[in-house]
Protein backbone atom coordinates (compact mmCIF):
# COMPACT_ATOMS: atom_id res chain seq x y z
CA PHE A 1 0.00 0.00 0.00
CA GLU A 2 1.27 3.41 -0.86
CA GLU A 3 0.50 6.20 1.62
CA ASN A 4 -0.56 8.71 -1.00
CA LYS A 5 -2.82 6.29 -2.88
CA ASP A 6 -6.31 5.16 -1.99
CA ASP A 7 -5.64 1.42 -2.20
CA TYR A 8 -7.83 0.65 0.81
CA GLY A 9 -10.74 2.65 -0.61
CA CYS A 10 -10.36 0.81 -3.89
CA LEU A 11 -10.52 -2.53 -2.05
CA GLN A 12 -13.59 -1.35 -0.11
CA ARG A 13 -15.37 -0.55 -3.36
CA HIS A 14 -14.47 -3.99 -4.77
CA LEU A 15 -15.64 -5.66 -1.55
CA ILE A 16 -19.16 -4.31 -2.07
CA SER A 17 -19.21 -4.64 -5.86
CA PRO A 18 -21.79 -7.11 -7.18
CA THR A 19 -19.71 -7.75 -10.31
CA GLU A 20 -16.14 -7.93 -9.00
CA SER A 21 -14.71 -9.86 -6.10
CA LEU A 22 -11.60 -9.87 -3.97
CA GLY A 23 -9.51 -12.89 -3.16
CA GLU A 24 -10.87 -14.88 -0.24
CA GLU A 25 -8.11 -13.88 2.22
CA CYS A 26 -8.25 -10.21 1.26
CA ALA A 27 -12.06 -10.13 1.49
CA LYS A 28 -11.91 -11.75 4.94
CA GLU A 29 -9.40 -9.16 6.19
CA MET A 30 -11.36 -6.31 4.64
CA GLU A 31 -14.55 -7.50 6.35
CA LEU A 32 -12.69 -7.81 9.66
CA TYR A 33 -11.34 -4.28 9.33
CA ALA A 34 -14.80 -3.01 8.31
CA GLN A 35 -16.22 -4.62 11.46
CA ILE A 36 -13.59 -2.91 13.64
CA VAL A 37 -14.31 0.45 12.01
CA SER A 38 -18.07 -0.10 12.31
CA GLU A 39 -17.62 -0.45 16.07
CA ASP A 40 -15.99 2.98 16.16
CA VAL A 41 -15.08 5.04 13.09
CA ARG A 42 -12.28 6.60 15.13
CA ASN A 43 -10.47 3.28 14.56
CA ASP A 44 -10.14 4.18 10.87
CA TYR A 45 -6.81 5.99 10.95
CA ARG A 46 -7.06 6.79 7.23
CA LEU A 47 -10.33 8.62 7.82
CA ILE A 48 -8.98 10.42 10.89
CA LYS A 49 -5.86 11.52 9.01
CA ALA A 50 -7.68 12.55 5.82
CA CYS A 51 -10.44 14.41 7.67
CA SER A 52 -8.36 15.85 10.50
CA GLU A 53 -9.28 19.45 9.71
CA VAL A 54 -13.05 18.94 9.80
CA ILE A 55 -12.85 16.46 12.71
CA HIS A 56 -11.06 19.00 14.87
CA GLY A 57 -13.24 21.82 13.52
CA ALA A 58 -16.89 21.30 12.60
CA CYS A 59 -17.05 17.79 14.13
CA LYS A 60 -14.99 18.40 17.27
CA ARG A 61 -17.89 17.75 19.67
CA GLU A 62 -18.90 14.56 17.84
CA TYR A 63 -15.31 13.27 17.84
CA SER A 64 -15.28 13.51 21.63
CA SER A 65 -18.70 11.86 21.96
CA ASP A 66 -19.13 8.38 23.38
CA ARG A 67 -21.35 7.52 20.42
CA HIS A 68 -19.11 6.71 17.46
CA ALA A 69 -21.98 7.23 15.01
CA ASP A 70 -22.07 10.91 15.95
CA LEU A 71 -18.73 11.46 14.21
CA LEU A 72 -19.74 9.68 11.03
CA GLY A 73 -23.07 11.53 11.10
CA CYS A 74 -21.27 14.85 11.35
CA LEU A 75 -18.88 13.98 8.53
CA VAL A 76 -21.81 12.91 6.33
CA LYS A 77 -23.58 16.16 7.17
CA GLU A 78 -20.44 18.07 6.17
CA LYS A 79 -19.89 15.94 3.04
CA ASP A 80 -20.61 18.72 0.55
CA SER A 81 -17.81 20.82 2.04
CA LEU A 82 -15.28 17.97 2.30
CA LYS A 83 -12.38 17.78 -0.12
CA GLY A 84 -10.24 15.10 -1.73
CA SER A 85 -9.38 12.00 0.23
CA CYS A 86 -11.57 12.99 3.17
CA LYS A 87 -14.64 13.10 0.97
CA ARG A 88 -13.65 9.77 -0.64
CA HIS A 89 -13.16 8.11 2.76
CA VAL A 90 -16.54 9.29 4.04
CA LYS A 91 -18.24 8.11 0.85
CA ASP A 92 -16.52 4.70 1.03
CA LEU A 93 -17.44 4.29 4.69
CA GLU A 94 -21.06 5.10 3.88
CA LEU A 95 -21.07 2.53 1.07
CA VAL A 96 -19.63 -0.21 3.26
CA SER A 97 -22.13 0.46 6.04
CA LEU A 98 -24.96 0.29 3.48
CA TYR A 99 -23.51 -2.82 1.84
CA ASP A 100 -24.06 -4.98 4.87
CA PHE A 101 -26.03 -3.91 7.89
CA LYS A 102 -23.71 -5.84 10.21
CA PHE A 103 -21.18 -3.06 9.54
CA ASN A 104 -23.67 -0.47 10.82
CA LYS A 105 -23.56 -0.94 14.58
CA ASP A 106 -26.34 1.55 15.33
CA PHE A 107 -28.65 -0.19 12.87
CA VAL A 108 -27.96 -3.58 14.43
CA GLU A 109 -28.47 -2.27 17.96
CA ALA A 110 -31.65 -0.41 17.08
CA CYS A 111 -33.28 -3.14 14.98
CA ASN A 112 -32.05 -6.45 16.39
CA THR A 113 -35.17 -7.10 18.52
CA ASP A 114 -37.47 -6.24 15.61
CA VAL A 115 -35.53 -8.50 13.26
CA GLN A 116 -35.85 -11.37 15.73
CA GLU A 117 -39.56 -10.73 16.24
CA HIS A 118 -40.70 -9.96 12.69
CA CYS A 119 -38.20 -11.35 10.21
CA ARG A 120 -36.73 -14.64 11.37
CA ASN A 121 -39.51 -16.93 10.15
CA ARG A 122 -39.63 -15.59 6.59
């Protein structure tokens, strides 16, 4: 991986692509990393580095919050003003969390009981 390239973002996009696939080992590691990041986006050092300015500016309060989703929510809200790799990282993170709900911790926590009650026997 080269520091100035978006290799990880490229792999994320291939992970969720319906027409292209990653090697089994790479996909497994990507899913593991996506799970770690879904637990707290502050674990995504690429995102933190790329979006440092907005994180310590417009999203400062959310970065300090106990709820990790607050930071991603703030970055998504600020998306139109984001530039370059920060904007790309936020977009990729959104895509991965939409790709598979297990990567969206708030969704899982909020809906788990309803899934068990209404969706398991279908």
